[in-house]
Amino acid sequence: MGSILKYPFTSHSWTLLSENIVIKKADKSLINSFESGVPKDIVIFFIDKKLGLGEHSEPLEFYINSNVFYITLNRKSSGRHYLTFSSAKNELSEMGISIGDNVWFEKSPTQKNKFYLYTKGYSKNSILPDLKKFEVTEGLGLVNYRLGQSYFRDNVIQECKGKCIVTNVTDHSILVASHIKPWKYSNNIEKYDGSNGLLLAPHVDKLFDRGLITFNNKGRIVISQLLSKRVLELWNINRDKNYFFTANQMHYMEYHGKEVFKGI
């Protein structure tokens, strides 16, 4: 991405979260005029060539709630770049975006000039990511790429106050955002709900994901009979501690305890 070497990269009200995701903080211009200025450092996320004064890009495909809108990136005579969402104003208005809400743009992993737009804010009408999965080449083979993974992860980081609930590790580069109620059994809202997630160190995530541990209604670890207690001792995981969960997390934990945990 040119001179941008480290993520997250912030420029004005935009944050480049990764090579494939950029987040815009909604402001008056976006809400009232359905228009947003794009800093020069962020333009390269949307197009790979420079625009002259008064020029515009070829149409970009934006998918919002599975509907497609064709939007161009324009460079005005003043030199500033703008995205204009007038064709999608009804879609955005119905969602009730407010100042300060996050608008996410995620590139299609397989097609150029195609983007998926979703929002995260205080409104229950937030636009959720499409339930789309792609096969993409990574390393020597094909892997599944699912839209909205970073969206869910960001929600979980906020819900868990940025740290592993068991080890208190805060290095997000190694922590795993793990679903409490598994993805395949969750509805669309549950799939992206931060309360349906735990931020866990990799070794704890492995035990939790495989149903070898769960947490009871007091927040204490419960161990499957299939797991040696010695494992937790060697990893210095305290079984007698009451770990903190929100009420919403505990709601999902009831499902985990009954349907995922391998008690015997």
Protein backbone atom coordinates (compact mmCIF):
# COMPACT_ATOMS: atom_id res chain seq x y z
CA MET A 1 0.00 0.00 0.00
CA GLY A 2 2.67 2.50 -1.00
CA SER A 3 4.26 4.21 1.99
CA ILE A 4 1.76 2.73 4.46
CA LEU A 5 3.70 0.01 6.23
CA LYS A 6 2.01 -0.41 9.60
CA TYR A 7 -1.61 -1.10 10.50
CA PRO A 8 -3.74 0.38 11.83
CA PHE A 9 -3.01 3.61 9.92
CA THR A 10 -5.16 6.64 10.76
CA SER A 11 -5.67 9.70 8.59
CA HIS A 12 -8.31 12.25 9.64
CA SER A 13 -11.56 10.33 10.27
CA TRP A 14 -10.36 7.24 8.39
CA THR A 15 -8.49 4.21 9.75
CA LEU A 16 -6.85 1.68 7.47
CA LEU A 17 -7.22 -1.47 9.55
CA SER A 18 -5.58 -3.83 7.07
CA GLU A 19 -4.88 -4.12 3.38
CA ASN A 20 -8.51 -5.14 2.86
CA ILE A 21 -10.42 -3.02 5.37
CA VAL A 22 -10.79 0.70 5.98
CA ILE A 23 -13.09 2.33 8.55
CA LYS A 24 -14.68 5.78 8.28
CA LYS A 25 -16.05 7.66 11.31
CA ALA A 26 -19.41 9.07 10.22
CA ASP A 27 -19.65 12.89 10.22
CA LYS A 28 -22.20 15.54 9.18
CA SER A 29 -21.08 15.46 5.55
CA LEU A 30 -21.74 11.73 5.24
CA ILE A 31 -25.07 11.85 7.08
CA ASN A 32 -26.53 15.04 5.59
CA SER A 33 -24.96 15.14 2.12
CA PHE A 34 -24.15 11.46 1.57
CA GLU A 35 -20.66 12.55 0.65
CA SER A 36 -17.31 11.91 2.26
CA GLY A 37 -13.88 13.36 1.69
CA VAL A 38 -11.16 10.74 1.30
CA PRO A 39 -7.63 11.67 2.48
CA LYS A 40 -4.89 11.28 -0.10
CA ASP A 41 -3.29 8.52 1.98
CA ILE A 42 -6.51 6.47 1.85
CA VAL A 43 -7.33 6.95 -1.86
CA ILE A 44 -5.06 4.04 -2.79
CA PHE A 45 -7.39 1.69 -0.88
CA PHE A 46 -10.13 2.35 -3.43
CA ILE A 47 -8.22 2.90 -6.69
CA ASP A 48 -4.70 2.16 -7.86
CA LYS A 49 -4.10 5.22 -10.03
CA LYS A 50 -3.93 8.98 -9.52
CA LEU A 51 -6.80 11.22 -10.55
CA GLY A 52 -6.27 14.61 -12.14
CA LEU A 53 -8.25 17.66 -11.07
CA GLY A 54 -11.89 17.22 -12.04
CA GLU A 55 -11.45 13.54 -12.92
CA HIS A 56 -13.31 10.56 -11.48
CA SER A 57 -12.64 6.86 -11.22
CA GLU A 58 -14.45 4.16 -13.11
CA PRO A 59 -17.58 2.99 -11.25
CA LEU A 60 -16.86 1.05 -8.08
CA GLU A 61 -19.30 -1.64 -6.93
CA PHE A 62 -20.50 -1.18 -3.37
CA TYR A 63 -22.64 -3.90 -1.81
CA ILE A 64 -24.93 -2.72 0.99
CA ASN A 65 -27.39 -5.23 2.43
CA SER A 66 -26.72 -7.42 -0.65
CA ASN A 67 -27.83 -4.59 -2.96
CA VAL A 68 -25.29 -3.20 -5.42
CA PHE A 69 -24.64 0.51 -5.94
CA TYR A 70 -22.22 2.00 -8.47
CA ILE A 71 -20.23 4.84 -6.93
CA THR A 72 -17.28 6.83 -8.27
CA LEU A 73 -14.38 8.44 -6.48
CA ASN A 74 -14.12 12.05 -7.65
CA ARG A 75 -11.33 14.59 -7.42
CA LYS A 76 -12.68 18.11 -7.29
CA SER A 77 -11.00 21.19 -8.73
CA SER A 78 -9.83 22.01 -5.20
CA GLY A 79 -7.75 18.83 -5.30
CA ARG A 80 -9.72 16.93 -2.66
CA HIS A 81 -11.07 13.42 -3.28
CA TYR A 82 -14.69 12.55 -2.51
CA LEU A 83 -16.94 9.51 -2.49
CA THR A 84 -20.57 10.42 -3.15
CA PHE A 85 -23.22 7.98 -1.93
CA SER A 86 -26.30 9.73 -3.33
CA SER A 87 -27.38 6.56 -5.17
CA ALA A 88 -27.40 4.70 -1.84
CA LYS A 89 -28.88 7.45 0.33
CA ASN A 90 -32.17 5.63 0.89
CA GLU A 91 -30.31 2.53 2.07
CA LEU A 92 -28.12 4.51 4.43
CA SER A 93 -30.98 6.68 5.71
CA GLU A 94 -33.07 3.66 6.64
CA MET A 95 -30.20 2.31 8.71
CA GLY A 96 -30.13 5.48 10.83
CA ILE A 97 -26.39 6.14 10.77
CA SER A 98 -25.39 8.68 13.45
CA ILE A 99 -22.38 10.92 13.86
CA GLY A 100 -19.57 8.87 15.35
CA ASP A 101 -20.76 5.52 13.99
CA ASN A 102 -18.17 3.44 12.15
CA VAL A 103 -18.67 2.72 8.46
CA TRP A 104 -16.64 -0.26 7.30
CA PHE A 105 -15.43 -0.84 3.75
CA GLU A 106 -14.10 -4.31 2.95
CA LYS A 107 -12.56 -5.21 -0.39
CA SER A 108 -13.74 -8.27 -2.23
CA PRO A 109 -10.94 -10.83 -1.91
CA THR A 110 -11.54 -12.05 -5.46
CA GLN A 111 -12.69 -9.10 -7.60
CA LYS A 112 -11.19 -5.68 -8.26
CA ASN A 113 -13.34 -2.56 -7.70
CA LYS A 114 -15.85 -4.43 -5.54
CA PHE A 115 -16.43 -3.42 -1.93
CA TYR A 116 -18.78 -4.41 0.87
CA LEU A 117 -20.08 -1.65 3.14
CA TYR A 118 -21.43 -2.22 6.63
CA THR A 119 -21.79 -0.12 9.74
CA LYS A 120 -21.33 -0.38 13.47
CA GLY A 121 -22.90 2.10 15.81
CA TYR A 122 -25.44 2.60 18.53
CA SER A 123 -28.41 1.76 16.34
CA LYS A 124 -29.82 -1.76 16.29
CA ASN A 125 -30.34 -1.17 12.57
CA SER A 126 -26.60 -1.31 11.87
CA ILE A 127 -25.76 -2.87 8.51
CA LEU A 128 -24.19 -6.26 9.17
CA PRO A 129 -21.63 -7.92 6.88
CA ASP A 130 -22.95 -10.17 4.13
CA LEU A 131 -22.81 -13.87 4.91
CA LYS A 132 -20.35 -14.49 2.11
CA LYS A 133 -17.44 -16.89 2.04
CA PHE A 134 -14.73 -17.05 -0.61
CA GLU A 135 -11.93 -19.44 -1.43
CA VAL A 136 -8.71 -17.49 -1.83
CA THR A 137 -5.12 -18.53 -2.40
CA GLU A 138 -2.89 -18.16 0.62
CA GLY A 139 0.56 -19.68 0.79
CA LEU A 140 0.48 -22.97 -1.10
CA GLY A 141 -3.23 -23.69 -0.95
CA LEU A 142 -6.81 -22.43 -0.86
CA VAL A 143 -8.31 -21.10 2.36
CA ASN A 144 -11.79 -19.90 3.25
CA TYR A 145 -12.16 -16.13 3.57
CA ARG A 146 -15.28 -14.93 5.34
CA LEU A 147 -16.50 -11.34 5.19
CA GLY A 148 -16.81 -9.56 8.51
CA GLN A 149 -14.13 -11.44 10.46
CA SER A 150 -12.43 -8.20 11.48
CA TYR A 151 -15.82 -6.65 12.29
CA PHE A 152 -16.57 -9.44 14.79
CA ARG A 153 -13.04 -9.33 16.19
CA ASP A 154 -13.27 -5.58 16.82
CA ASN A 155 -16.58 -6.09 18.65
CA VAL A 156 -15.03 -8.82 20.82
CA ILE A 157 -11.98 -6.68 21.66
CA GLN A 158 -14.30 -3.94 22.93
CA GLU A 159 -16.50 -6.39 24.85
CA CYS A 160 -13.46 -7.96 26.56
CA LYS A 161 -11.78 -4.60 27.22
CA GLY A 162 -8.87 -5.53 25.01
CA LYS A 163 -7.44 -8.44 26.97
CA CYS A 164 -7.64 -12.20 27.29
CA ILE A 165 -10.18 -12.87 30.04
CA VAL A 166 -8.06 -15.72 31.46
CA THR A 167 -4.42 -14.63 31.08
CA ASN A 168 -4.88 -10.80 30.93
CA VAL A 169 -2.56 -10.71 27.89
CA THR A 170 -3.23 -7.53 25.85
CA ASP A 171 -1.19 -8.19 22.69
CA HIS A 172 -3.94 -8.29 20.05
CA SER A 173 -1.57 -9.70 17.44
CA ILE A 174 -1.59 -13.09 19.19
CA LEU A 175 -5.05 -13.17 20.80
CA VAL A 176 -7.95 -15.06 19.21
CA ALA A 177 -11.52 -13.76 18.96
CA SER A 178 -13.45 -16.96 19.63
CA HIS A 179 -17.19 -17.45 19.22
CA ILE A 180 -18.94 -18.73 22.35
CA LYS A 181 -21.94 -20.03 20.42
CA PRO A 182 -20.27 -21.45 17.30
CA TRP A 183 -20.61 -19.60 14.00
CA LYS A 184 -22.45 -22.44 12.25
CA TYR A 185 -25.18 -22.48 14.90
CA SER A 186 -25.55 -18.69 15.21
CA ASN A 187 -28.02 -16.46 13.38
CA ASN A 188 -26.82 -13.40 11.45
CA ILE A 189 -26.92 -11.10 14.48
CA GLU A 190 -25.24 -13.62 16.78
CA LYS A 191 -22.43 -14.21 14.27
CA TYR A 192 -21.21 -10.61 14.64
CA ASP A 193 -22.29 -9.88 18.21
CA GLY A 194 -19.25 -9.05 20.36
CA SER A 195 -21.06 -10.55 23.36
CA ASN A 196 -20.92 -13.89 21.56
CA GLY A 197 -17.15 -13.86 21.76
CA LEU A 198 -14.16 -14.19 24.05
CA LEU A 199 -10.72 -12.75 23.48
CA LEU A 200 -8.42 -15.64 24.35
CA ALA A 201 -4.76 -16.61 24.29
CA PRO A 202 -4.25 -19.33 21.64
CA HIS A 203 -3.80 -22.20 24.10
CA VAL A 204 -6.96 -21.25 26.03
CA ASP A 205 -8.88 -20.80 22.78
CA LYS A 206 -7.95 -24.32 21.69
CA LEU A 207 -9.42 -25.82 24.86
CA PHE A 208 -12.54 -23.66 24.75
CA ASP A 209 -13.20 -24.16 21.03
CA ARG A 210 -12.92 -27.95 21.37
CA GLY A 211 -15.30 -28.00 24.33
CA LEU A 212 -12.64 -29.21 26.76
CA ILE A 213 -13.35 -26.30 29.10
CA THR A 214 -16.30 -24.00 29.69
CA PHE A 215 -17.32 -21.50 32.40
CA ASN A 216 -20.13 -21.86 34.91
CA ASN A 217 -22.55 -19.13 36.04
CA LYS A 218 -20.01 -17.92 38.62
CA GLY A 219 -17.34 -17.48 35.97
CA ARG A 220 -15.26 -20.45 37.09
CA ILE A 221 -13.57 -22.82 34.67
CA VAL A 222 -15.19 -26.23 34.33
CA ILE A 223 -12.96 -29.00 32.93
CA SER A 224 -14.04 -31.88 30.72
CA GLN A 225 -13.20 -35.37 31.88
CA LEU A 226 -11.43 -35.72 28.53
CA LEU A 227 -8.81 -33.16 29.62
CA SER A 228 -6.10 -33.81 32.16
CA LYS A 229 -6.18 -31.31 35.05
CA ARG A 230 -2.40 -31.31 34.74
CA VAL A 231 -2.68 -29.33 31.50
CA LEU A 232 -4.16 -26.29 33.29
CA GLU A 233 -1.60 -26.63 36.09
CA LEU A 234 1.31 -26.60 33.63
CA TRP A 235 -0.18 -23.60 31.86
CA ASN A 236 -0.69 -21.85 35.19
CA ILE A 237 -4.43 -21.37 34.62
CA ASN A 238 -6.28 -20.77 37.86
CA ARG A 239 -9.35 -23.03 38.13
CA ASP A 240 -10.49 -21.43 41.38
CA LYS A 241 -10.69 -17.87 40.10
CA ASN A 242 -14.01 -16.22 39.22
CA TYR A 243 -13.45 -14.77 35.75
CA PHE A 244 -15.59 -11.81 34.73
CA PHE A 245 -18.18 -12.00 31.96
CA THR A 246 -20.95 -9.63 30.99
CA ALA A 247 -24.55 -10.75 31.36
CA ASN A 248 -24.84 -11.08 27.57
CA GLN A 249 -21.72 -13.23 27.41
CA MET A 250 -23.11 -15.49 30.12
CA HIS A 251 -26.28 -15.91 28.07
CA TYR A 252 -24.19 -17.36 25.24
CA MET A 253 -22.09 -19.33 27.74
CA GLU A 254 -25.18 -21.29 28.77
CA TYR A 255 -25.37 -22.56 25.18
CA HIS A 256 -21.66 -23.41 25.19
CA GLY A 257 -21.98 -25.35 28.43
CA LYS A 258 -24.94 -27.39 27.17
CA GLU A 259 -24.10 -27.90 23.50
CA VAL A 260 -20.32 -27.52 23.03
CA PHE A 261 -18.74 -28.58 26.31
CA LYS A 262 -17.74 -32.25 26.44
CA GLY A 263 -18.50 -32.96 30.07
CA ILE A 264 -17.89 -36.69 29.89
